[in-house]
All heavy atoms as atom14 arrays in JSON, in Angstrom:
{
  "sequence": "TISRDSAKNTVYLQMNSLKPEDTAVYSCYMLKGWGAYNTDYWGQGTQ",
  "atom14_mask": [
    [1, 1, 1, 1, 1, 1, 1, 0, 0, 0, 0, 0, 0, 0],
    [1, 1, 1, 1, 1, 1, 1, 1, 0, 0, 0, 0, 0, 0],
    [1, 1, 1, 1, 1, 1, 0, 0, 0, 0, 0, 0, 0, 0],
    [1, 1, 1, 1, 1, 1, 1, 1, 1, 1, 1, 0, 0, 0],
    [1, 1, 1, 1, 1, 1, 1, 1, 0, 0, 0, 0, 0, 0],
    [1, 1, 1, 1, 1, 1, 0, 0, 0, 0, 0, 0, 0, 0],
    [1, 1, 1, 1, 1, 0, 0, 0, 0, 0, 0, 0, 0, 0],
    [1, 1, 1, 1, 1, 1, 1, 1, 1, 0, 0, 0, 0, 0],
    [1, 1, 1, 1, 1, 1, 1, 1, 0, 0, 0, 0, 0, 0],
    [1, 1, 1, 1, 1, 1, 1, 0, 0, 0, 0, 0, 0, 0],
    [1, 1, 1, 1, 1, 1, 1, 0, 0, 0, 0, 0, 0, 0],
    [1, 1, 1, 1, 1, 1, 1, 1, 1, 1, 1, 1, 0, 0],
    [1, 1, 1, 1, 1, 1, 1, 1, 0, 0, 0, 0, 0, 0],
    [1, 1, 1, 1, 1, 1, 1, 1, 1, 0, 0, 0, 0, 0],
    [1, 1, 1, 1, 1, 1, 1, 1, 0, 0, 0, 0, 0, 0],
    [1, 1, 1, 1, 1, 1, 1, 1, 0, 0, 0, 0, 0, 0],
    [1, 1, 1, 1, 1, 1, 0, 0, 0, 0, 0, 0, 0, 0],
    [1, 1, 1, 1, 1, 1, 1, 1, 0, 0, 0, 0, 0, 0],
    [1, 1, 1, 1, 1, 1, 1, 1, 1, 0, 0, 0, 0, 0],
    [1, 1, 1, 1, 1, 1, 1, 0, 0, 0, 0, 0, 0, 0],
    [1, 1, 1, 1, 1, 1, 1, 1, 1, 0, 0, 0, 0, 0],
    [1, 1, 1, 1, 1, 1, 1, 1, 0, 0, 0, 0, 0, 0],
    [1, 1, 1, 1, 1, 1, 1, 0, 0, 0, 0, 0, 0, 0],
    [1, 1, 1, 1, 1, 0, 0, 0, 0, 0, 0, 0, 0, 0],
    [1, 1, 1, 1, 1, 1, 1, 0, 0, 0, 0, 0, 0, 0],
    [1, 1, 1, 1, 1, 1, 1, 1, 1, 1, 1, 1, 0, 0],
    [1, 1, 1, 1, 1, 1, 0, 0, 0, 0, 0, 0, 0, 0],
    [1, 1, 1, 1, 1, 1, 0, 0, 0, 0, 0, 0, 0, 0],
    [1, 1, 1, 1, 1, 1, 1, 1, 1, 1, 1, 1, 0, 0],
    [1, 1, 1, 1, 1, 1, 1, 1, 0, 0, 0, 0, 0, 0],
    [1, 1, 1, 1, 1, 1, 1, 1, 0, 0, 0, 0, 0, 0],
    [1, 1, 1, 1, 1, 1, 1, 1, 1, 0, 0, 0, 0, 0],
    [1, 1, 1, 1, 0, 0, 0, 0, 0, 0, 0, 0, 0, 0],
    [1, 1, 1, 1, 1, 1, 1, 1, 1, 1, 1, 1, 1, 1],
    [1, 1, 1, 1, 0, 0, 0, 0, 0, 0, 0, 0, 0, 0],
    [1, 1, 1, 1, 1, 0, 0, 0, 0, 0, 0, 0, 0, 0],
    [1, 1, 1, 1, 1, 1, 1, 1, 1, 1, 1, 1, 0, 0],
    [1, 1, 1, 1, 1, 1, 1, 1, 0, 0, 0, 0, 0, 0],
    [1, 1, 1, 1, 1, 1, 1, 0, 0, 0, 0, 0, 0, 0],
    [1, 1, 1, 1, 1, 1, 1, 1, 0, 0, 0, 0, 0, 0],
    [1, 1, 1, 1, 1, 1, 1, 1, 1, 1, 1, 1, 0, 0],
    [1, 1, 1, 1, 1, 1, 1, 1, 1, 1, 1, 1, 1, 1],
    [1, 1, 1, 1, 0, 0, 0, 0, 0, 0, 0, 0, 0, 0],
    [1, 1, 1, 1, 1, 1, 1, 1, 1, 0, 0, 0, 0, 0],
    [1, 1, 1, 1, 0, 0, 0, 0, 0, 0, 0, 0, 0, 0],
    [1, 1, 1, 1, 1, 1, 1, 0, 0, 0, 0, 0, 0, 0],
    [1, 1, 1, 1, 1, 1, 1, 1, 1, 0, 0, 0, 0, 0]
  ],
  "atom14_positions": [
    [[0.79, -1.23, -0.04], [-0.05, 0.01, -0.02], [0.91, 1.23, 0.02], [1.74, 1.42, 0.88], [-0.94, 0.02, 1.24], [-1.76, -1.1, 1.3], [-1.85, 1.2, 1.15], [0.0, 0.0, 0.0], [0.0, 0.0, 0.0], [0.0, 0.0, 0.0], [0.0, 0.0, 0.0], [0.0, 0.0, 0.0], [0.0, 0.0, 0.0], [0.0, 0.0, 0.0]],
    [[0.63, 2.03, -0.96], [1.34, 3.36, -0.96], [0.51, 4.44, -0.4], [-0.67, 4.56, -0.65], [1.8, 3.74, -2.41], [2.7, 5.0, -2.45], [0.62, 3.9, -3.33], [3.38, 5.16, -3.72], [0.0, 0.0, 0.0], [0.0, 0.0, 0.0], [0.0, 0.0, 0.0], [0.0, 0.0, 0.0], [0.0, 0.0, 0.0], [0.0, 0.0, 0.0]],
    [[1.03, 5.33, 0.33], [0.27, 6.54, 0.94], [1.19, 7.54, 1.05], [2.43, 7.57, 0.81], [-0.26, 5.97, 2.29], [0.83, 5.7, 3.28], [0.0, 0.0, 0.0], [0.0, 0.0, 0.0], [0.0, 0.0, 0.0], [0.0, 0.0, 0.0], [0.0, 0.0, 0.0], [0.0, 0.0, 0.0], [0.0, 0.0, 0.0], [0.0, 0.0, 0.0]],
    [[0.64, 8.69, 1.41], [1.44, 10.02, 1.59], [0.99, 10.71, 2.8], [-0.14, 10.64, 3.23], [1.35, 10.75, 0.3], [0.17, 11.46, 0.08], [-0.05, 12.33, -1.21], [-1.05, 13.25, -1.25], [-2.28, 12.89, -1.76], [-2.48, 11.64, -2.08], [-3.14, 13.85, -1.72], [0.0, 0.0, 0.0], [0.0, 0.0, 0.0], [0.0, 0.0, 0.0]],
    [[1.92, 11.43, 3.4], [1.65, 12.55, 4.21], [2.02, 13.82, 3.7], [3.26, 14.06, 3.79], [2.35, 12.26, 5.61], [1.99, 13.14, 6.7], [1.66, 14.34, 6.5], [2.16, 12.84, 7.87], [0.0, 0.0, 0.0], [0.0, 0.0, 0.0], [0.0, 0.0, 0.0], [0.0, 0.0, 0.0], [0.0, 0.0, 0.0], [0.0, 0.0, 0.0]],
    [[1.18, 14.61, 3.1], [1.5, 15.75, 2.38], [2.2, 16.81, 3.34], [3.11, 17.65, 2.92], [0.35, 16.35, 1.83], [-0.13, 15.51, 0.81], [0.0, 0.0, 0.0], [0.0, 0.0, 0.0], [0.0, 0.0, 0.0], [0.0, 0.0, 0.0], [0.0, 0.0, 0.0], [0.0, 0.0, 0.0], [0.0, 0.0, 0.0], [0.0, 0.0, 0.0]],
    [[1.76, 16.83, 4.55], [2.24, 17.76, 5.52], [3.73, 17.6, 5.77], [4.52, 18.47, 6.08], [1.49, 17.87, 6.87], [0.0, 0.0, 0.0], [0.0, 0.0, 0.0], [0.0, 0.0, 0.0], [0.0, 0.0, 0.0], [0.0, 0.0, 0.0], [0.0, 0.0, 0.0], [0.0, 0.0, 0.0], [0.0, 0.0, 0.0], [0.0, 0.0, 0.0]],
    [[4.2, 16.34, 5.68], [5.56, 15.89, 5.95], [6.28, 15.68, 4.71], [7.48, 15.36, 4.81], [5.65, 14.68, 6.81], [5.07, 14.86, 8.18], [5.16, 13.55, 8.99], [4.6, 13.7, 10.35], [4.68, 12.46, 11.12], [0.0, 0.0, 0.0], [0.0, 0.0, 0.0], [0.0, 0.0, 0.0], [0.0, 0.0, 0.0], [0.0, 0.0, 0.0]],
    [[5.65, 15.88, 3.57], [6.3, 15.77, 2.24], [6.95, 14.29, 2.21], [8.03, 13.99, 1.74], [7.38, 16.82, 2.0], [6.76, 18.1, 1.8], [5.72, 18.4, 1.19], [7.49, 19.13, 2.4], [0.0, 0.0, 0.0], [0.0, 0.0, 0.0], [0.0, 0.0, 0.0], [0.0, 0.0, 0.0], [0.0, 0.0, 0.0], [0.0, 0.0, 0.0]],
    [[6.22, 13.3, 2.6], [6.7, 12.01, 2.75], [5.66, 10.97, 2.11], [4.47, 11.09, 2.24], [6.91, 11.69, 4.23], [7.88, 12.46, 4.76], [7.43, 10.26, 4.41], [0.0, 0.0, 0.0], [0.0, 0.0, 0.0], [0.0, 0.0, 0.0], [0.0, 0.0, 0.0], [0.0, 0.0, 0.0], [0.0, 0.0, 0.0], [0.0, 0.0, 0.0]],
    [[6.24, 10.0, 1.52], [5.53, 8.98, 0.88], [5.94, 7.63, 1.51], [7.11, 7.58, 1.8], [5.65, 8.87, -0.57], [5.11, 7.58, -1.24], [4.99, 10.06, -1.25], [0.0, 0.0, 0.0], [0.0, 0.0, 0.0], [0.0, 0.0, 0.0], [0.0, 0.0, 0.0], [0.0, 0.0, 0.0], [0.0, 0.0, 0.0], [0.0, 0.0, 0.0]],
    [[4.98, 6.71, 1.78], [5.25, 5.51, 2.35], [4.9, 4.36, 1.55], [4.0, 4.34, 0.64], [4.45, 5.4, 3.76], [4.61, 6.5, 4.81], [3.72, 7.67, 4.73], [5.72, 6.52, 5.54], [4.05, 8.72, 5.68], [5.84, 7.56, 6.42], [5.06, 8.75, 6.33], [5.2, 9.72, 7.33], [0.0, 0.0, 0.0], [0.0, 0.0, 0.0]],
    [[5.56, 3.25, 1.74], [5.16, 1.97, 1.02], [5.07, 0.96, 2.22], [6.09, 0.48, 2.69], [6.22, 1.62, 0.03], [5.71, 0.34, -0.74], [4.64, 0.61, -1.66], [6.98, -0.16, -1.56], [0.0, 0.0, 0.0], [0.0, 0.0, 0.0], [0.0, 0.0, 0.0], [0.0, 0.0, 0.0], [0.0, 0.0, 0.0], [0.0, 0.0, 0.0]],
    [[3.83, 0.6, 2.46], [3.69, -0.36, 3.5], [3.66, -1.89, 2.82], [2.91, -2.09, 1.8], [2.27, -0.27, 4.17], [1.91, -1.32, 5.24], [2.8, -1.25, 6.38], [3.1, -0.32, 7.06], [3.31, -2.52, 6.7], [0.0, 0.0, 0.0], [0.0, 0.0, 0.0], [0.0, 0.0, 0.0], [0.0, 0.0, 0.0], [0.0, 0.0, 0.0]],
    [[4.69, -2.7, 3.11], [4.74, -3.93, 2.49], [4.38, -5.04, 3.52], [5.0, -5.24, 4.44], [6.16, -4.07, 2.0], [6.61, -2.98, 1.1], [8.33, -3.25, 0.4], [9.16, -3.09, 1.96], [0.0, 0.0, 0.0], [0.0, 0.0, 0.0], [0.0, 0.0, 0.0], [0.0, 0.0, 0.0], [0.0, 0.0, 0.0], [0.0, 0.0, 0.0]],
    [[3.47, -5.69, 3.11], [2.81, -6.96, 3.99], [3.06, -8.22, 3.19], [3.18, -8.27, 1.92], [1.42, -6.67, 4.42], [1.17, -5.45, 5.18], [2.08, -5.12, 5.98], [0.1, -4.88, 5.06], [0.0, 0.0, 0.0], [0.0, 0.0, 0.0], [0.0, 0.0, 0.0], [0.0, 0.0, 0.0], [0.0, 0.0, 0.0], [0.0, 0.0, 0.0]],
    [[2.96, -9.31, 3.99], [3.12, -10.69, 3.29], [4.17, -10.67, 2.39], [4.11, -11.27, 1.29], [1.76, -11.12, 2.67], [0.66, -10.93, 3.48], [0.0, 0.0, 0.0], [0.0, 0.0, 0.0], [0.0, 0.0, 0.0], [0.0, 0.0, 0.0], [0.0, 0.0, 0.0], [0.0, 0.0, 0.0], [0.0, 0.0, 0.0], [0.0, 0.0, 0.0]],
    [[5.33, -10.2, 2.84], [6.53, -10.3, 2.04], [7.02, -11.55, 1.56], [6.9, -12.56, 2.47], [7.62, -9.57, 2.75], [7.37, -7.93, 2.71], [8.44, -7.3, 3.87], [7.77, -7.42, 1.37], [0.0, 0.0, 0.0], [0.0, 0.0, 0.0], [0.0, 0.0, 0.0], [0.0, 0.0, 0.0], [0.0, 0.0, 0.0], [0.0, 0.0, 0.0]],
    [[7.44, -11.74, 0.39], [7.92, -12.9, -0.27], [9.33, -12.71, -0.45], [9.99, -11.67, -0.77], [7.22, -13.28, -1.42], [5.71, -13.27, -1.27], [4.95, -13.62, -2.62], [3.5, -13.61, -2.44], [2.82, -13.74, -3.61], [0.0, 0.0, 0.0], [0.0, 0.0, 0.0], [0.0, 0.0, 0.0], [0.0, 0.0, 0.0], [0.0, 0.0, 0.0]],
    [[10.19, -13.95, -0.65], [11.53, -13.78, -1.01], [11.71, -13.0, -2.32], [12.73, -12.36, -2.53], [12.06, -15.16, -1.07], [11.11, -16.0, -0.1], [9.85, -15.14, -0.21], [0.0, 0.0, 0.0], [0.0, 0.0, 0.0], [0.0, 0.0, 0.0], [0.0, 0.0, 0.0], [0.0, 0.0, 0.0], [0.0, 0.0, 0.0], [0.0, 0.0, 0.0]],
    [[10.73, -13.23, -3.33], [10.95, -12.54, -4.49], [10.64, -10.96, -4.49], [10.95, -10.23, -5.5], [10.0, -13.02, -5.59], [8.55, -13.18, -5.06], [8.21, -14.57, -4.57], [8.97, -15.1, -3.83], [7.01, -14.98, -4.79], [0.0, 0.0, 0.0], [0.0, 0.0, 0.0], [0.0, 0.0, 0.0], [0.0, 0.0, 0.0], [0.0, 0.0, 0.0]],
    [[10.27, -10.51, -3.26], [10.29, -9.13, -3.03], [11.66, -8.44, -2.77], [11.85, -7.24, -2.6], [9.27, -8.7, -1.88], [7.97, -9.04, -2.31], [7.47, -8.82, -3.39], [7.16, -9.63, -1.4], [0.0, 0.0, 0.0], [0.0, 0.0, 0.0], [0.0, 0.0, 0.0], [0.0, 0.0, 0.0], [0.0, 0.0, 0.0], [0.0, 0.0, 0.0]],
    [[12.58, -9.27, -2.43], [13.94, -8.86, -2.3], [14.4, -8.02, -3.46], [14.49, -8.36, -4.52], [14.98, -10.14, -2.08], [14.52, -10.66, -0.86], [16.42, -9.42, -1.86], [0.0, 0.0, 0.0], [0.0, 0.0, 0.0], [0.0, 0.0, 0.0], [0.0, 0.0, 0.0], [0.0, 0.0, 0.0], [0.0, 0.0, 0.0], [0.0, 0.0, 0.0]],
    [[14.87, -6.62, -3.07], [15.31, -5.82, -4.13], [15.74, -4.55, -3.48], [15.5, -4.3, -2.18], [14.03, -5.54, -5.03], [0.0, 0.0, 0.0], [0.0, 0.0, 0.0], [0.0, 0.0, 0.0], [0.0, 0.0, 0.0], [0.0, 0.0, 0.0], [0.0, 0.0, 0.0], [0.0, 0.0, 0.0], [0.0, 0.0, 0.0], [0.0, 0.0, 0.0]],
    [[16.34, -3.66, -4.15], [16.53, -2.22, -3.89], [15.37, -1.52, -4.3], [14.96, -1.36, -5.38], [17.8, -1.65, -4.53], [18.11, -0.28, -4.15], [19.01, -2.52, -4.12], [0.0, 0.0, 0.0], [0.0, 0.0, 0.0], [0.0, 0.0, 0.0], [0.0, 0.0, 0.0], [0.0, 0.0, 0.0], [0.0, 0.0, 0.0], [0.0, 0.0, 0.0]],
    [[14.75, -0.83, -3.25], [13.68, -0.03, -3.5], [14.05, 1.49, -3.53], [14.7, 1.97, -2.6], [12.58, -0.23, -2.35], [11.92, -1.53, -2.57], [12.5, -2.75, -2.15], [10.57, -1.66, -2.94], [12.0, -4.03, -2.39], [9.84, -2.9, -3.06], [10.55, -4.01, -2.65], [9.96, -5.27, -2.89], [0.0, 0.0, 0.0], [0.0, 0.0, 0.0]],
    [[13.64, 2.16, -4.55], [13.95, 3.58, -4.71], [12.73, 4.39, -4.85], [11.84, 3.95, -5.75], [14.88, 3.73, -6.08], [16.05, 2.88, -6.04], [0.0, 0.0, 0.0], [0.0, 0.0, 0.0], [0.0, 0.0, 0.0], [0.0, 0.0, 0.0], [0.0, 0.0, 0.0], [0.0, 0.0, 0.0], [0.0, 0.0, 0.0], [0.0, 0.0, 0.0]],
    [[12.86, 5.58, -4.27], [11.72, 6.47, -4.29], [11.86, 7.23, -5.57], [12.89, 7.59, -6.09], [11.78, 7.33, -3.05], [10.56, 8.57, -2.92], [0.0, 0.0, 0.0], [0.0, 0.0, 0.0], [0.0, 0.0, 0.0], [0.0, 0.0, 0.0], [0.0, 0.0, 0.0], [0.0, 0.0, 0.0], [0.0, 0.0, 0.0], [0.0, 0.0, 0.0]],
    [[10.72, 7.68, -6.24], [10.73, 8.32, -7.31], [9.67, 9.55, -7.26], [8.67, 9.35, -6.65], [10.18, 7.25, -8.5], [9.59, 7.92, -9.77], [10.56, 8.32, -10.78], [8.22, 8.11, -9.91], [10.05, 8.95, -11.86], [7.71, 8.73, -11.08], [8.72, 9.06, -12.09], [8.04, 9.69, -13.21], [0.0, 0.0, 0.0], [0.0, 0.0, 0.0]],
    [[9.99, 10.51, -7.97], [9.2, 11.67, -8.04], [9.15, 12.22, -9.5], [10.12, 12.38, -10.1], [9.67, 12.82, -7.08], [8.9, 14.13, -7.19], [9.66, 15.58, -6.38], [9.34, 15.05, -4.64], [0.0, 0.0, 0.0], [0.0, 0.0, 0.0], [0.0, 0.0, 0.0], [0.0, 0.0, 0.0], [0.0, 0.0, 0.0], [0.0, 0.0, 0.0]],
    [[8.02, 12.48, -9.89], [7.76, 13.28, -11.23], [7.22, 14.75, -10.8], [6.07, 14.81, -10.23], [6.79, 12.56, -12.02], [6.42, 13.24, -13.4], [7.68, 13.36, -14.22], [5.23, 12.56, -14.14], [0.0, 0.0, 0.0], [0.0, 0.0, 0.0], [0.0, 0.0, 0.0], [0.0, 0.0, 0.0], [0.0, 0.0, 0.0], [0.0, 0.0, 0.0]],
    [[7.99, 15.63, -11.14], [7.82, 17.04, -10.76], [7.75, 17.79, -12.07], [8.57, 17.81, -12.97], [8.78, 17.57, -9.79], [8.66, 18.99, -9.37], [9.82, 19.23, -8.34], [9.67, 20.65, -7.76], [10.07, 21.66, -8.83], [0.0, 0.0, 0.0], [0.0, 0.0, 0.0], [0.0, 0.0, 0.0], [0.0, 0.0, 0.0], [0.0, 0.0, 0.0]],
    [[6.73, 18.72, -12.14], [6.74, 19.62, -13.12], [5.59, 20.63, -13.19], [4.82, 20.76, -12.3], [0.0, 0.0, 0.0], [0.0, 0.0, 0.0], [0.0, 0.0, 0.0], [0.0, 0.0, 0.0], [0.0, 0.0, 0.0], [0.0, 0.0, 0.0], [0.0, 0.0, 0.0], [0.0, 0.0, 0.0], [0.0, 0.0, 0.0], [0.0, 0.0, 0.0]],
    [[5.59, 21.34, -14.28], [4.52, 22.27, -14.53], [4.17, 22.35, -15.97], [4.95, 22.42, -16.9], [5.09, 23.76, -14.15], [4.13, 24.88, -14.35], [4.07, 25.77, -15.3], [3.11, 25.15, -13.32], [3.05, 26.7, -15.16], [2.4, 26.32, -13.88], [2.74, 24.63, -12.17], [1.35, 26.87, -13.24], [1.62, 25.25, -11.54], [1.0, 26.39, -12.09]],
    [[2.78, 22.13, -16.19], [2.31, 21.96, -17.56], [2.99, 20.68, -18.25], [3.07, 19.62, -17.66], [0.0, 0.0, 0.0], [0.0, 0.0, 0.0], [0.0, 0.0, 0.0], [0.0, 0.0, 0.0], [0.0, 0.0, 0.0], [0.0, 0.0, 0.0], [0.0, 0.0, 0.0], [0.0, 0.0, 0.0], [0.0, 0.0, 0.0], [0.0, 0.0, 0.0]],
    [[3.68, 20.97, -19.4], [4.25, 19.9, -20.14], [5.67, 19.56, -19.72], [6.28, 18.66, -20.31], [4.13, 20.11, -21.58], [0.0, 0.0, 0.0], [0.0, 0.0, 0.0], [0.0, 0.0, 0.0], [0.0, 0.0, 0.0], [0.0, 0.0, 0.0], [0.0, 0.0, 0.0], [0.0, 0.0, 0.0], [0.0, 0.0, 0.0], [0.0, 0.0, 0.0]],
    [[6.23, 20.42, -18.86], [7.62, 20.38, -18.4], [7.76, 19.64, -17.22], [7.39, 20.1, -16.14], [8.19, 21.71, -18.4], [8.17, 22.39, -19.65], [7.17, 23.34, -20.07], [9.14, 22.27, -20.69], [6.99, 23.99, -21.23], [9.08, 22.88, -21.87], [7.98, 23.76, -22.09], [7.88, 24.47, -23.43], [0.0, 0.0, 0.0], [0.0, 0.0, 0.0]],
    [[8.31, 18.4, -17.34], [8.44, 17.42, -16.05], [9.88, 17.04, -15.89], [10.58, 17.0, -16.88], [7.55, 16.23, -16.36], [6.01, 16.73, -16.42], [5.47, 17.2, -15.34], [5.43, 16.35, -17.53], [0.0, 0.0, 0.0], [0.0, 0.0, 0.0], [0.0, 0.0, 0.0], [0.0, 0.0, 0.0], [0.0, 0.0, 0.0], [0.0, 0.0, 0.0]],
    [[10.19, 16.82, -14.65], [11.46, 16.25, -14.36], [11.39, 15.06, -13.4], [10.61, 15.16, -12.43], [12.4, 17.29, -13.68], [12.4, 18.47, -14.6], [13.85, 16.81, -13.47], [0.0, 0.0, 0.0], [0.0, 0.0, 0.0], [0.0, 0.0, 0.0], [0.0, 0.0, 0.0], [0.0, 0.0, 0.0], [0.0, 0.0, 0.0], [0.0, 0.0, 0.0]],
    [[12.21, 14.08, -13.62], [12.23, 12.86, -12.68], [13.38, 13.11, -11.67], [14.29, 13.54, -11.95], [12.51, 11.64, -13.57], [11.48, 11.36, -14.45], [10.17, 11.28, -14.19], [11.68, 11.06, -15.75], [0.0, 0.0, 0.0], [0.0, 0.0, 0.0], [0.0, 0.0, 0.0], [0.0, 0.0, 0.0], [0.0, 0.0, 0.0], [0.0, 0.0, 0.0]],
    [[12.9, 12.57, -10.46], [13.94, 12.53, -9.42], [13.89, 11.15, -8.75], [12.96, 10.48, -8.74], [13.69, 13.66, -8.4], [13.73, 15.03, -8.85], [12.71, 15.71, -9.53], [14.95, 15.62, -8.82], [12.77, 16.96, -9.93], [15.07, 17.06, -9.36], [13.91, 17.55, -9.74], [14.11, 18.84, -10.31], [0.0, 0.0, 0.0], [0.0, 0.0, 0.0]],
    [[15.1, 10.68, -8.19], [15.3, 9.45, -7.75], [15.95, 9.53, -6.35], [16.86, 10.27, -6.04], [16.04, 8.58, -8.54], [15.4, 8.41, -9.91], [15.45, 9.18, -11.04], [14.6, 7.18, -10.26], [14.8, 8.51, -12.04], [14.2, 7.38, -11.54], [14.2, 6.05, -9.58], [13.36, 6.52, -12.29], [13.34, 5.14, -10.28], [12.96, 5.45, -11.59]],
    [[15.57, 8.72, -5.45], [16.36, 8.49, -4.25], [17.44, 7.37, -4.41], [17.59, 7.0, -5.55], [0.0, 0.0, 0.0], [0.0, 0.0, 0.0], [0.0, 0.0, 0.0], [0.0, 0.0, 0.0], [0.0, 0.0, 0.0], [0.0, 0.0, 0.0], [0.0, 0.0, 0.0], [0.0, 0.0, 0.0], [0.0, 0.0, 0.0], [0.0, 0.0, 0.0]],
    [[18.28, 7.38, -3.51], [19.39, 6.36, -3.51], [19.13, 4.93, -3.42], [19.92, 4.09, -3.75], [20.42, 6.84, -2.39], [21.19, 8.21, -2.64], [21.82, 8.26, -3.9], [22.76, 7.4, -4.26], [21.57, 9.3, -4.77], [0.0, 0.0, 0.0], [0.0, 0.0, 0.0], [0.0, 0.0, 0.0], [0.0, 0.0, 0.0], [0.0, 0.0, 0.0]],
    [[17.99, 4.79, -2.81], [17.53, 3.25, -2.67], [17.76, 2.73, -1.38], [18.71, 3.14, -0.6], [0.0, 0.0, 0.0], [0.0, 0.0, 0.0], [0.0, 0.0, 0.0], [0.0, 0.0, 0.0], [0.0, 0.0, 0.0], [0.0, 0.0, 0.0], [0.0, 0.0, 0.0], [0.0, 0.0, 0.0], [0.0, 0.0, 0.0], [0.0, 0.0, 0.0]],
    [[16.99, 1.83, -0.9], [16.99, 1.3, 0.29], [16.74, -0.36, 0.06], [16.04, -0.75, -0.68], [16.09, 1.69, 1.35], [16.34, 1.12, 2.61], [14.68, 1.46, 0.98], [0.0, 0.0, 0.0], [0.0, 0.0, 0.0], [0.0, 0.0, 0.0], [0.0, 0.0, 0.0], [0.0, 0.0, 0.0], [0.0, 0.0, 0.0], [0.0, 0.0, 0.0]],
    [[17.67, -1.16, 0.65], [17.64, -2.62, 0.43], [16.64, -3.29, 1.28], [16.45, -2.98, 2.49], [19.06, -3.23, 0.8], [19.11, -4.77, 0.54], [19.0, -5.17, -0.85], [19.75, -4.57, -1.64], [18.14, -6.12, -1.12], [0.0, 0.0, 0.0], [0.0, 0.0, 0.0], [0.0, 0.0, 0.0], [0.0, 0.0, 0.0], [0.0, 0.0, 0.0]]
  ]
}
């Protein structure tokens, strides 16, 4: 389940019933822009 706390500028990913195949580096992503002009941003990732 993905959720956000706008006041904290934070997005969460609640992961339940985890499976071995969920093992990965998880990276936060943001698409930011105005009108047709958009920019992608990435976090460093967490294992």
